[in-house]
Amino acid sequence: MEILAFILGISTIAFIVVVVVMFMNSKQIKELNKQIENLKSTCNEIYSNINNLESRTLNDLKEVEFNQRRENEGIIRFVDSRVDKLEDKIHKNFDIKQKQSKNY
């Protein structure tokens, strides 16, 4: 009878320990799940920030390319007008009798 009481006592203690460990593990698993969800949301925020930054960078690059093209066209127009004025001066100063009819 004493052996039976001893075995029941040990079994009860073992059962209580198993239940306590199970609840502790359950609590830790819930905390880990919360951390995983927080990490997922942080990763999603980072990805969206990267996408926004990429789109802004591409827009800025397009704007810079457009401005460069516009400035190049302005420089070409300016140089072209200077060359035209120089050509007119050359015609006026060196072709006084207008014997030369060809464009330079």
N, C-alpha and C. Protein backbone atom coordinates (compact mmCIF):
# COMPACT_ATOMS: atom_id res chain seq x y z
N MET A 1 0.82 -1.19 0.00
CA MET A 1 0.00 0.00 0.00
C MET A 1 0.86 1.25 0.00
N GLU A 2 1.97 1.19 0.74
CA GLU A 2 2.87 2.34 0.77
C GLU A 2 3.50 2.58 -0.59
N ILE A 3 3.79 1.50 -1.30
CA ILE A 3 4.40 1.63 -2.62
C ILE A 3 3.40 2.26 -3.58
N LEU A 4 2.15 1.87 -3.46
CA LEU A 4 1.11 2.44 -4.30
C LEU A 4 0.95 3.94 -4.02
N ALA A 5 0.98 4.34 -2.78
CA ALA A 5 0.87 5.75 -2.42
C ALA A 5 2.10 6.51 -2.92
N PHE A 6 3.27 5.90 -2.81
CA PHE A 6 4.49 6.53 -3.29
C PHE A 6 4.43 6.74 -4.80
N ILE A 7 3.99 5.71 -5.53
CA ILE A 7 3.90 5.80 -7.00
C ILE A 7 2.86 6.85 -7.40
N LEU A 8 1.73 6.88 -6.70
CA LEU A 8 0.71 7.89 -7.00
C LEU A 8 1.25 9.30 -6.70
N GLY A 9 2.00 9.46 -5.65
CA GLY A 9 2.58 10.76 -5.30
C GLY A 9 3.58 11.22 -6.34
N ILE A 10 4.46 10.33 -6.75
CA ILE A 10 5.45 10.65 -7.80
C ILE A 10 4.74 10.94 -9.11
N SER A 11 3.73 10.16 -9.43
CA SER A 11 2.98 10.38 -10.68
C SER A 11 2.27 11.72 -10.65
N THR A 12 1.71 12.08 -9.49
CA THR A 12 1.02 13.37 -9.37
C THR A 12 2.02 14.51 -9.55
N ILE A 13 3.17 14.41 -8.93
CA ILE A 13 4.20 15.44 -9.07
C ILE A 13 4.67 15.53 -10.51
N ALA A 14 4.90 14.38 -11.14
CA ALA A 14 5.33 14.36 -12.54
C ALA A 14 4.26 15.00 -13.43
N PHE A 15 3.00 14.69 -13.17
CA PHE A 15 1.91 15.26 -13.95
C PHE A 15 1.85 16.78 -13.77
N ILE A 16 2.01 17.24 -12.54
CA ILE A 16 1.99 18.69 -12.28
C ILE A 16 3.17 19.36 -12.99
N VAL A 17 4.35 18.74 -12.93
CA VAL A 17 5.52 19.31 -13.61
C VAL A 17 5.28 19.38 -15.12
N VAL A 18 4.73 18.34 -15.69
CA VAL A 18 4.44 18.32 -17.13
C VAL A 18 3.44 19.41 -17.48
N VAL A 19 2.41 19.59 -16.68
CA VAL A 19 1.40 20.62 -16.96
C VAL A 19 2.02 22.01 -16.86
N VAL A 20 2.85 22.24 -15.83
CA VAL A 20 3.50 23.55 -15.65
C VAL A 20 4.43 23.83 -16.84
N VAL A 21 5.22 22.84 -17.24
CA VAL A 21 6.13 23.02 -18.38
C VAL A 21 5.33 23.28 -19.65
N MET A 22 4.21 22.60 -19.82
CA MET A 22 3.37 22.80 -21.00
C MET A 22 2.83 24.23 -21.06
N PHE A 23 2.37 24.77 -19.93
CA PHE A 23 1.87 26.14 -19.89
C PHE A 23 2.99 27.15 -20.13
N MET A 24 4.17 26.87 -19.58
CA MET A 24 5.32 27.78 -19.81
C MET A 24 5.70 27.78 -21.29
N ASN A 25 5.73 26.61 -21.90
CA ASN A 25 6.05 26.53 -23.33
C ASN A 25 4.98 27.22 -24.17
N SER A 26 3.72 27.06 -23.77
CA SER A 26 2.63 27.71 -24.50
C SER A 26 2.78 29.22 -24.44
N LYS A 27 3.13 29.74 -23.28
CA LYS A 27 3.33 31.18 -23.13
C LYS A 27 4.50 31.66 -23.99
N GLN A 28 5.59 30.91 -23.99
CA GLN A 28 6.76 31.28 -24.80
C GLN A 28 6.43 31.22 -26.30
N ILE A 29 5.64 30.25 -26.70
CA ILE A 29 5.25 30.14 -28.11
C ILE A 29 4.39 31.33 -28.51
N LYS A 30 3.49 31.77 -27.64
CA LYS A 30 2.67 32.95 -27.94
C LYS A 30 3.55 34.19 -28.09
N GLU A 31 4.52 34.35 -27.20
CA GLU A 31 5.43 35.50 -27.29
C GLU A 31 6.25 35.45 -28.58
N LEU A 32 6.72 34.26 -28.94
CA LEU A 32 7.49 34.11 -30.18
C LEU A 32 6.62 34.41 -31.40
N ASN A 33 5.35 34.00 -31.36
CA ASN A 33 4.44 34.31 -32.47
C ASN A 33 4.24 35.81 -32.61
N LYS A 34 4.12 36.51 -31.47
CA LYS A 34 3.99 37.97 -31.51
C LYS A 34 5.25 38.61 -32.11
N GLN A 35 6.41 38.11 -31.70
CA GLN A 35 7.66 38.64 -32.26
C GLN A 35 7.75 38.38 -33.76
N ILE A 36 7.31 37.21 -34.19
CA ILE A 36 7.33 36.89 -35.62
C ILE A 36 6.41 37.83 -36.38
N GLU A 37 5.23 38.09 -35.85
CA GLU A 37 4.30 39.02 -36.50
C GLU A 37 4.89 40.43 -36.56
N ASN A 38 5.54 40.85 -35.48
CA ASN A 38 6.19 42.16 -35.48
C ASN A 38 7.29 42.23 -36.53
N LEU A 39 8.07 41.17 -36.65
CA LEU A 39 9.13 41.13 -37.66
C LEU A 39 8.55 41.16 -39.08
N LYS A 40 7.44 40.45 -39.27
CA LYS A 40 6.79 40.46 -40.59
C LYS A 40 6.32 41.87 -40.95
N SER A 41 5.69 42.54 -39.99
CA SER A 41 5.21 43.89 -40.28
C SER A 41 6.39 44.84 -40.51
N THR A 42 7.47 44.67 -39.76
CA THR A 42 8.65 45.50 -39.97
C THR A 42 9.24 45.25 -41.35
N CYS A 43 9.31 44.00 -41.76
CA CYS A 43 9.83 43.67 -43.10
C CYS A 43 8.94 44.27 -44.18
N ASN A 44 7.63 44.20 -43.99
CA ASN A 44 6.71 44.79 -44.98
C ASN A 44 6.90 46.29 -45.07
N GLU A 45 7.10 46.95 -43.93
CA GLU A 45 7.36 48.39 -43.94
C GLU A 45 8.66 48.70 -44.67
N ILE A 46 9.68 47.90 -44.42
CA ILE A 46 10.98 48.11 -45.08
C ILE A 46 10.82 47.93 -46.59
N TYR A 47 10.12 46.88 -47.01
CA TYR A 47 9.91 46.65 -48.44
C TYR A 47 9.13 47.80 -49.08
N SER A 48 8.11 48.28 -48.40
CA SER A 48 7.35 49.40 -48.97
C SER A 48 8.20 50.66 -49.03
N ASN A 49 9.04 50.89 -48.01
CA ASN A 49 9.95 52.04 -48.05
C ASN A 49 10.95 51.92 -49.19
N ILE A 50 11.45 50.71 -49.41
CA ILE A 50 12.39 50.49 -50.51
C ILE A 50 11.69 50.75 -51.84
N ASN A 51 10.46 50.25 -52.00
CA ASN A 51 9.72 50.47 -53.24
C ASN A 51 9.45 51.96 -53.47
N ASN A 52 9.06 52.68 -52.40
CA ASN A 52 8.83 54.11 -52.53
C ASN A 52 10.11 54.84 -52.90
N LEU A 53 11.20 54.46 -52.26
CA LEU A 53 12.49 55.09 -52.55
C LEU A 53 12.92 54.81 -53.99
N GLU A 54 12.69 53.58 -54.43
CA GLU A 54 13.04 53.22 -55.80
C GLU A 54 12.23 54.03 -56.81
N SER A 55 10.93 54.16 -56.57
CA SER A 55 10.09 54.90 -57.51
C SER A 55 10.47 56.38 -57.50
N ARG A 56 10.76 56.94 -56.32
CA ARG A 56 11.19 58.35 -56.28
C ARG A 56 12.52 58.54 -57.00
N THR A 57 13.43 57.58 -56.82
CA THR A 57 14.73 57.66 -57.49
C THR A 57 14.56 57.60 -59.00
N LEU A 58 13.71 56.71 -59.47
CA LEU A 58 13.47 56.61 -60.92
C LEU A 58 12.84 57.89 -61.45
N ASN A 59 11.90 58.47 -60.70
CA ASN A 59 11.28 59.73 -61.12
C ASN A 59 12.30 60.86 -61.16
N ASP A 60 13.16 60.91 -60.14
CA ASP A 60 14.20 61.93 -60.12
C ASP A 60 15.18 61.75 -61.28
N LEU A 61 15.51 60.50 -61.58
CA LEU A 61 16.40 60.23 -62.69
C LEU A 61 15.78 60.65 -64.02
N LYS A 62 14.49 60.38 -64.20
CA LYS A 62 13.80 60.80 -65.42
C LYS A 62 13.79 62.33 -65.52
N GLU A 63 13.57 62.98 -64.39
CA GLU A 63 13.55 64.44 -64.39
C GLU A 63 14.93 65.01 -64.74
N VAL A 64 15.98 64.40 -64.19
CA VAL A 64 17.34 64.85 -64.51
C VAL A 64 17.65 64.64 -65.98
N GLU A 65 17.25 63.50 -66.52
CA GLU A 65 17.46 63.23 -67.95
C GLU A 65 16.71 64.25 -68.81
N PHE A 66 15.47 64.57 -68.42
CA PHE A 66 14.68 65.55 -69.16
C PHE A 66 15.36 66.92 -69.11
N ASN A 67 15.81 67.33 -67.93
CA ASN A 67 16.48 68.62 -67.78
C ASN A 67 17.77 68.67 -68.57
N GLN A 68 18.52 67.56 -68.57
CA GLN A 68 19.76 67.50 -69.34
C GLN A 68 19.47 67.64 -70.83
N ARG A 69 18.46 66.94 -71.32
CA ARG A 69 18.09 67.03 -72.72
C ARG A 69 17.69 68.46 -73.09
N ARG A 70 16.88 69.09 -72.21
CA ARG A 70 16.44 70.45 -72.46
C ARG A 70 17.62 71.43 -72.46
N GLU A 71 18.55 71.26 -71.53
CA GLU A 71 19.73 72.13 -71.48
C GLU A 71 20.61 71.92 -72.71
N ASN A 72 20.77 70.66 -73.12
CA ASN A 72 21.57 70.39 -74.32
C ASN A 72 20.94 71.04 -75.55
N GLU A 73 19.62 70.97 -75.66
CA GLU A 73 18.95 71.60 -76.79
C GLU A 73 19.14 73.11 -76.74
N GLY A 74 19.09 73.69 -75.54
CA GLY A 74 19.31 75.13 -75.40
C GLY A 74 20.72 75.52 -75.81
N ILE A 75 21.69 74.72 -75.41
CA ILE A 75 23.08 75.00 -75.78
C ILE A 75 23.25 74.88 -77.29
N ILE A 76 22.66 73.86 -77.88
CA ILE A 76 22.75 73.70 -79.33
C ILE A 76 22.13 74.88 -80.05
N ARG A 77 20.95 75.35 -79.58
CA ARG A 77 20.31 76.51 -80.20
C ARG A 77 21.19 77.76 -80.06
N PHE A 78 21.79 77.93 -78.87
CA PHE A 78 22.64 79.08 -78.64
C PHE A 78 23.87 79.06 -79.56
N VAL A 79 24.53 77.90 -79.62
CA VAL A 79 25.71 77.77 -80.48
C VAL A 79 25.31 77.96 -81.94
N ASP A 80 24.17 77.40 -82.33
CA ASP A 80 23.71 77.55 -83.70
C ASP A 80 23.46 79.02 -84.05
N SER A 81 22.85 79.76 -83.13
CA SER A 81 22.60 81.18 -83.40
C SER A 81 23.91 81.95 -83.48
N ARG A 82 24.88 81.60 -82.63
CA ARG A 82 26.19 82.26 -82.68
C ARG A 82 26.89 81.96 -84.00
N VAL A 83 26.79 80.71 -84.43
CA VAL A 83 27.42 80.34 -85.71
C VAL A 83 26.73 81.07 -86.86
N ASP A 84 25.41 81.20 -86.81
CA ASP A 84 24.70 81.94 -87.85
C ASP A 84 25.13 83.41 -87.87
N LYS A 85 25.27 84.02 -86.71
CA LYS A 85 25.71 85.42 -86.65
C LYS A 85 27.13 85.56 -87.18
N LEU A 86 27.99 84.60 -86.82
CA LEU A 86 29.36 84.64 -87.31
C LEU A 86 29.39 84.48 -88.83
N GLU A 87 28.55 83.61 -89.33
CA GLU A 87 28.47 83.41 -90.77
C GLU A 87 27.99 84.70 -91.47
N ASP A 88 27.01 85.35 -90.88
CA ASP A 88 26.54 86.63 -91.45
C ASP A 88 27.65 87.67 -91.44
N LYS A 89 28.40 87.75 -90.35
CA LYS A 89 29.51 88.71 -90.28
C LYS A 89 30.58 88.40 -91.32
N ILE A 90 30.86 87.13 -91.48
CA ILE A 90 31.86 86.74 -92.49
C ILE A 90 31.39 87.15 -93.87
N HIS A 91 30.13 86.91 -94.17
CA HIS A 91 29.59 87.30 -95.48
C HIS A 91 29.64 88.81 -95.66
N LYS A 92 29.31 89.55 -94.62
CA LYS A 92 29.29 91.00 -94.74
C LYS A 92 30.69 91.58 -94.87
N ASN A 93 31.62 91.06 -94.07
CA ASN A 93 32.96 91.65 -94.03
C ASN A 93 33.88 91.18 -95.14
N PHE A 94 33.77 89.95 -95.56
CA PHE A 94 34.72 89.43 -96.53
C PHE A 94 34.15 89.27 -97.93
N ASP A 95 32.90 89.35 -98.09
CA ASP A 95 32.30 89.17 -99.40
C ASP A 95 31.61 90.48 -99.77
N ILE A 96 32.40 91.52 -99.86
CA ILE A 96 31.87 92.86 -100.08
C ILE A 96 31.20 92.96 -101.45
N LYS A 97 31.83 92.45 -102.43
CA LYS A 97 31.27 92.55 -103.79
C LYS A 97 30.26 91.45 -104.07
N GLN A 98 30.06 90.57 -103.12
CA GLN A 98 29.12 89.47 -103.21
C GLN A 98 29.35 88.62 -104.47
N LYS A 99 30.62 88.38 -104.73
CA LYS A 99 30.95 87.50 -105.85
C LYS A 99 30.83 86.05 -105.43
N GLN A 100 30.96 85.85 -104.19
CA GLN A 100 30.92 84.48 -103.69
C GLN A 100 29.51 84.18 -103.21
N SER A 101 28.85 83.20 -103.82
CA SER A 101 27.46 82.95 -103.48
C SER A 101 27.27 81.65 -102.67
N LYS A 102 28.33 80.93 -102.46
CA LYS A 102 28.21 79.65 -101.74
C LYS A 102 28.25 79.90 -100.24
N ASN A 103 27.53 79.06 -99.52
CA ASN A 103 27.60 79.10 -98.06
C ASN A 103 28.89 78.45 -97.59
N TYR A 104 29.38 78.91 -96.54
CA TYR A 104 30.59 78.30 -95.99
C TYR A 104 30.21 77.01 -95.40
